Amino acid sequence: MLAEIFREYARPKGQGRAYLENLAGFFLAVARDQGEEERVRMVIGEDPVLGPYLDVDLRDAPRTHAWLSAFREAAKEGAALALQENEDGTVDATVLPPRKAEA
């Protein structure tokens, strides 16, 4: 399960600050869809040694935390995410199951 409070570093993934900005945007889109946008707290910062990071606090956003936890577990199993932005600014997300290798 995803922790309610965590820090994500970009450098270990070979990424930079833009990765963290996109990740924060994704988290906010999920929170908006769950009606908890104002309850999610995030800060992007820079550690002099470890590089850019994103601090995330989901303690006051239980539905967003549950959704992101379920997504994380699905991703571990090889699932993918398809996002569709709607005209009203909401985002529909569908978790696609992992593709099975053909025998």
Protein backbone atom coordinates (compact mmCIF):
# COMPACT_ATOMS: atom_id res chain seq x y z
CA MET A 1 0.00 0.00 0.00
CA LEU A 2 1.14 3.53 -0.73
CA ALA A 3 2.20 5.49 2.35
CA GLU A 4 0.02 8.47 3.26
CA ILE A 5 3.12 10.68 3.43
CA PHE A 6 6.07 10.08 1.12
CA ARG A 7 8.91 11.68 -0.79
CA GLU A 8 9.59 10.85 -4.44
CA TYR A 9 13.02 11.56 -5.90
CA ALA A 10 13.48 12.06 -9.65
CA ARG A 11 17.19 11.33 -10.06
CA PRO A 12 17.08 7.57 -9.22
CA LYS A 13 14.62 7.19 -12.10
CA GLY A 14 16.90 9.09 -14.45
CA GLN A 15 14.46 12.01 -14.47
CA GLY A 16 14.44 15.68 -13.56
CA ARG A 17 12.10 18.25 -12.11
CA ALA A 18 9.66 17.95 -15.05
CA TYR A 19 8.97 14.32 -14.05
CA LEU A 20 7.97 15.50 -10.56
CA GLU A 21 5.79 18.28 -11.97
CA ASN A 22 3.98 15.75 -14.17
CA LEU A 23 3.60 13.36 -11.25
CA ALA A 24 2.16 16.14 -9.08
CA GLY A 25 -0.25 17.02 -11.89
CA PHE A 26 -1.37 13.39 -12.09
CA PHE A 27 -1.93 13.26 -8.32
CA LEU A 28 -3.93 16.50 -8.47
CA ALA A 29 -6.05 15.19 -11.34
CA VAL A 30 -6.90 12.10 -9.30
CA ALA A 31 -7.64 14.24 -6.23
CA ARG A 32 -9.86 16.57 -8.29
CA ASP A 33 -11.77 13.59 -9.63
CA GLN A 34 -12.21 12.33 -6.06
CA GLY A 35 -13.38 15.75 -4.82
CA GLU A 36 -10.28 16.12 -2.62
CA GLU A 37 -8.10 18.54 -4.57
CA GLU A 38 -7.91 21.00 -1.66
CA ARG A 39 -6.94 18.22 0.77
CA VAL A 40 -3.77 17.02 -0.97
CA ARG A 41 -0.55 18.77 0.02
CA MET A 42 2.53 18.64 -2.20
CA VAL A 43 5.85 20.47 -2.32
CA ILE A 44 8.59 20.21 -4.93
CA GLY A 45 12.05 20.84 -3.52
CA GLU A 46 15.72 20.23 -4.20
CA ASP A 47 18.12 18.27 -2.02
CA PRO A 48 21.73 19.40 -2.64
CA VAL A 49 22.92 15.78 -2.80
CA LEU A 50 19.91 13.73 -3.92
CA GLY A 51 18.41 16.23 -6.36
CA PRO A 52 14.78 17.23 -6.95
CA TYR A 53 12.03 15.66 -4.88
CA LEU A 54 8.27 15.76 -4.43
CA ASP A 55 6.82 15.60 -0.91
CA VAL A 56 3.24 14.27 -0.88
CA ASP A 57 0.81 14.26 2.05
CA LEU A 58 -2.45 12.36 1.48
CA ARG A 59 -3.55 12.05 5.14
CA ASP A 60 -6.58 14.29 4.57
CA ALA A 61 -7.49 12.74 1.21
CA PRO A 62 -8.53 9.12 1.90
CA ARG A 63 -10.26 8.49 -1.44
CA THR A 64 -7.28 9.83 -3.38
CA HIS A 65 -4.94 7.74 -1.24
CA ALA A 66 -7.02 4.60 -1.87
CA TRP A 67 -7.15 5.24 -5.63
CA LEU A 68 -3.41 5.88 -5.91
CA SER A 69 -2.66 2.83 -3.75
CA ALA A 70 -4.78 0.61 -6.00
CA PHE A 71 -3.11 2.06 -9.08
CA ARG A 72 0.35 1.44 -7.61
CA GLU A 73 -0.48 -2.19 -6.87
CA ALA A 74 -1.85 -2.68 -10.39
CA ALA A 75 1.29 -1.11 -11.86
CA LYS A 76 3.46 -3.52 -9.87
CA GLU A 77 1.61 -6.34 -11.58
CA GLY A 78 2.39 -4.88 -15.00
CA ALA A 79 -0.86 -3.01 -15.61
CA ALA A 80 -0.95 0.24 -17.56
CA LEU A 81 -3.03 3.38 -17.17
CA ALA A 82 -5.06 5.03 -19.92
CA LEU A 83 -6.02 8.66 -19.21
CA GLN A 84 -8.72 10.62 -20.98
CA GLU A 85 -9.16 14.31 -20.16
CA ASN A 86 -12.76 15.44 -20.38
CA GLU A 87 -14.04 18.83 -21.55
CA ASP A 88 -15.02 19.75 -17.98
CA GLY A 89 -11.42 19.31 -16.79
CA THR A 90 -11.92 15.95 -15.10
CA VAL A 91 -9.85 12.96 -16.05
CA ASP A 92 -11.12 9.44 -16.63
CA ALA A 93 -8.52 6.82 -15.78
CA THR A 94 -8.76 3.18 -16.72
CA VAL A 95 -6.31 0.58 -15.43
CA LEU A 96 -5.53 -1.82 -18.26
CA PRO A 97 -4.54 -5.34 -17.22
CA PRO A 98 -1.08 -6.64 -18.11
CA ARG A 99 -0.79 -8.27 -21.49
CA LYS A 100 -0.35 -11.98 -21.32
CA ALA A 101 2.47 -13.47 -23.32
CA GLU A 102 1.40 -15.79 -26.07
CA ALA A 103 2.50 -19.41 -25.69
